[in-house]
Structure formats: C-alpha cells, structure tokens
Amino acid sequence: MLVLTRKKEQSIIIGDNIEITIVDVQGDQVRIGINAPKNITIHRKEIYQEIQDENRRAAEVNSVPLNKLLDKRDQK
C-alpha cells in the first residue's frame, strides 16, 4: 500500500486520467473528489463488496434436470 500525505486542495494522479483531490478535512473525516473517465466505476469499498457478494449469489445456479421441467409442463 502506498501511503501519501496531502493537504486540502492537493491532489494525486493515478495513471494518466484519474485525479484524486482532497476537498476538505474536518476532524477524522476527509472529503475527496475523484475526477475519472465515465467508463471507470467508482464505489465505496463496502458498496463494492456488497455488489460482489450479490453477483456471487446470483451466479449460484441450482440446476434442475430437464425431465423435471418437462414433467411439470405435462402436468398442466
């Protein structure tokens, strides 16, 4: 992990097209602004983890044998 010290209104650059700026510091909270291309998604870590968890749950497919589906269709 790279750790940097920045003051209000100072920035860091990631790659060629992402800029993170310290907008405000109040007590133990830091407000940051992120300037990045629209095709780059940006999430708070806890939201990102929720999205990943939901994607994993959605990918868990319960397979049903084809003959069971056909039997249900025939019963109607």
C-alpha atoms as a PDB file:
ATOM      1  CA  MET A   1       0.000   0.000   0.000  1.00  0.00           C
ATOM      2  CA  LEU A   2       1.276   3.420  -0.902  1.00  0.00           C
ATOM      3  CA  VAL A   3       0.632   5.994   1.825  1.00  0.00           C
ATOM      4  CA  LEU A   4       0.760   9.689   0.900  1.00  0.00           C
ATOM      5  CA  THR A   5       0.291  12.841   2.904  1.00  0.00           C
ATOM      6  CA  ARG A   6      -1.796  15.532   1.225  1.00  0.00           C
ATOM      7  CA  LYS A   7      -3.277  18.807   2.389  1.00  0.00           C
ATOM      8  CA  LYS A   8      -6.594  20.388   1.470  1.00  0.00           C
ATOM      9  CA  GLU A   9      -6.819  21.139  -2.272  1.00  0.00           C
ATOM     10  CA  GLN A  10      -3.799  18.950  -3.069  1.00  0.00           C
ATOM     11  CA  SER A  11      -4.156  16.026  -5.464  1.00  0.00           C
ATOM     12  CA  ILE A  12      -2.672  12.762  -6.528  1.00  0.00           C
ATOM     13  CA  ILE A  13      -2.778  11.315 -10.028  1.00  0.00           C
ATOM     14  CA  ILE A  14      -3.379   7.637 -10.795  1.00  0.00           C
ATOM     15  CA  GLY A  15      -2.300   6.593 -14.261  1.00  0.00           C
ATOM     16  CA  ASP A  16      -2.879   9.248 -16.897  1.00  0.00           C
ATOM     17  CA  ASN A  17      -6.517  10.028 -16.270  1.00  0.00           C
ATOM     18  CA  ILE A  18      -7.577   9.697 -12.620  1.00  0.00           C
ATOM     19  CA  GLU A  19      -7.132  12.606 -10.213  1.00  0.00           C
ATOM     20  CA  ILE A  20      -7.998  12.424  -6.529  1.00  0.00           C
ATOM     21  CA  THR A  21      -8.230  15.773  -4.739  1.00  0.00           C
ATOM     22  CA  ILE A  22      -8.539  16.440  -1.015  1.00  0.00           C
ATOM     23  CA  VAL A  23     -11.609  18.673  -0.840  1.00  0.00           C
ATOM     24  CA  ASP A  24     -11.955  19.143   2.912  1.00  0.00           C
ATOM     25  CA  VAL A  25     -10.686  17.816   6.229  1.00  0.00           C
ATOM     26  CA  GLN A  26     -12.881  18.017   9.345  1.00  0.00           C
ATOM     27  CA  GLY A  27     -11.741  16.120  12.413  1.00  0.00           C
ATOM     28  CA  ASP A  28     -11.234  12.496  11.453  1.00  0.00           C
ATOM     29  CA  GLN A  29     -13.141  12.775   8.159  1.00  0.00           C
ATOM     30  CA  VAL A  30     -11.598  13.595   4.816  1.00  0.00           C
ATOM     31  CA  ARG A  31     -13.707  14.576   1.795  1.00  0.00           C
ATOM     32  CA  ILE A  32     -12.180  13.632  -1.515  1.00  0.00           C
ATOM     33  CA  GLY A  33     -13.086  14.445  -5.079  1.00  0.00           C
ATOM     34  CA  ILE A  34     -12.385  11.968  -7.849  1.00  0.00           C
ATOM     35  CA  ASN A  35     -12.044  13.001 -11.458  1.00  0.00           C
ATOM     36  CA  ALA A  36     -12.017   9.943 -13.719  1.00  0.00           C
ATOM     37  CA  PRO A  37     -13.328   8.904 -17.132  1.00  0.00           C
ATOM     38  CA  LYS A  38     -17.008   7.936 -17.176  1.00  0.00           C
ATOM     39  CA  ASN A  39     -16.181   4.342 -18.139  1.00  0.00           C
ATOM     40  CA  ILE A  40     -14.442   3.791 -14.776  1.00  0.00           C
ATOM     41  CA  THR A  41     -16.793   2.802 -11.988  1.00  0.00           C
ATOM     42  CA  ILE A  42     -16.099   4.205  -8.538  1.00  0.00           C
ATOM     43  CA  HIS A  43     -17.663   2.793  -5.366  1.00  0.00           C
ATOM     44  CA  ARG A  44     -17.060   2.988  -1.643  1.00  0.00           C
ATOM     45  CA  LYS A  45     -15.406  -0.255  -0.594  1.00  0.00           C
ATOM     46  CA  GLU A  46     -18.370  -1.509   1.431  1.00  0.00           C
ATOM     47  CA  ILE A  47     -20.712  -0.947  -1.538  1.00  0.00           C
ATOM     48  CA  TYR A  48     -18.265  -2.672  -3.887  1.00  0.00           C
ATOM     49  CA  GLN A  49     -18.155  -5.693  -1.564  1.00  0.00           C
ATOM     50  CA  GLU A  50     -21.965  -5.842  -1.449  1.00  0.00           C
ATOM     51  CA  ILE A  51     -22.080  -5.813  -5.254  1.00  0.00           C
ATOM     52  CA  GLN A  52     -19.512  -8.618  -5.405  1.00  0.00           C
ATOM     53  CA  ASP A  53     -21.430 -10.677  -2.828  1.00  0.00           C
ATOM     54  CA  GLU A  54     -24.684 -10.209  -4.734  1.00  0.00           C
ATOM     55  CA  ASN A  55     -23.009 -11.197  -8.006  1.00  0.00           C
ATOM     56  CA  ARG A  56     -21.677 -14.379  -6.373  1.00  0.00           C
ATOM     57  CA  ARG A  57     -25.146 -15.247  -5.056  1.00  0.00           C
ATOM     58  CA  ALA A  58     -26.676 -14.633  -8.483  1.00  0.00           C
ATOM     59  CA  ALA A  59     -24.104 -16.907 -10.100  1.00  0.00           C
ATOM     60  CA  GLU A  60     -25.051 -19.826  -7.852  1.00  0.00           C
ATOM     61  CA  VAL A  61     -27.387 -21.680 -10.144  1.00  0.00           C
ATOM     62  CA  ASN A  62     -29.481 -24.550  -8.839  1.00  0.00           C
ATOM     63  CA  SER A  63     -29.677 -26.928 -11.738  1.00  0.00           C
ATOM     64  CA  VAL A  64     -32.943 -28.697 -12.411  1.00  0.00           C
ATOM     65  CA  PRO A  65     -32.952 -31.821 -14.577  1.00  0.00           C
ATOM     66  CA  LEU A  66     -34.717 -31.281 -17.888  1.00  0.00           C
ATOM     67  CA  ASN A  67     -37.111 -34.183 -17.306  1.00  0.00           C
ATOM     68  CA  LYS A  68     -38.450 -32.489 -14.159  1.00  0.00           C
ATOM     69  CA  LEU A  69     -39.200 -29.343 -16.114  1.00  0.00           C
ATOM     70  CA  LEU A  70     -40.895 -31.382 -18.824  1.00  0.00           C
ATOM     71  CA  ASP A  71     -42.923 -33.291 -16.221  1.00  0.00           C
ATOM     72  CA  LYS A  72     -44.189 -30.028 -14.743  1.00  0.00           C
ATOM     73  CA  ARG A  73     -45.178 -28.810 -18.193  1.00  0.00           C
ATOM     74  CA  ASP A  74     -47.055 -32.019 -18.930  1.00  0.00           C
ATOM     75  CA  GLN A  75     -48.983 -31.790 -15.646  1.00  0.00           C
ATOM     76  CA  LYS A  76     -50.651 -28.538 -16.697  1.00  0.00           C
END
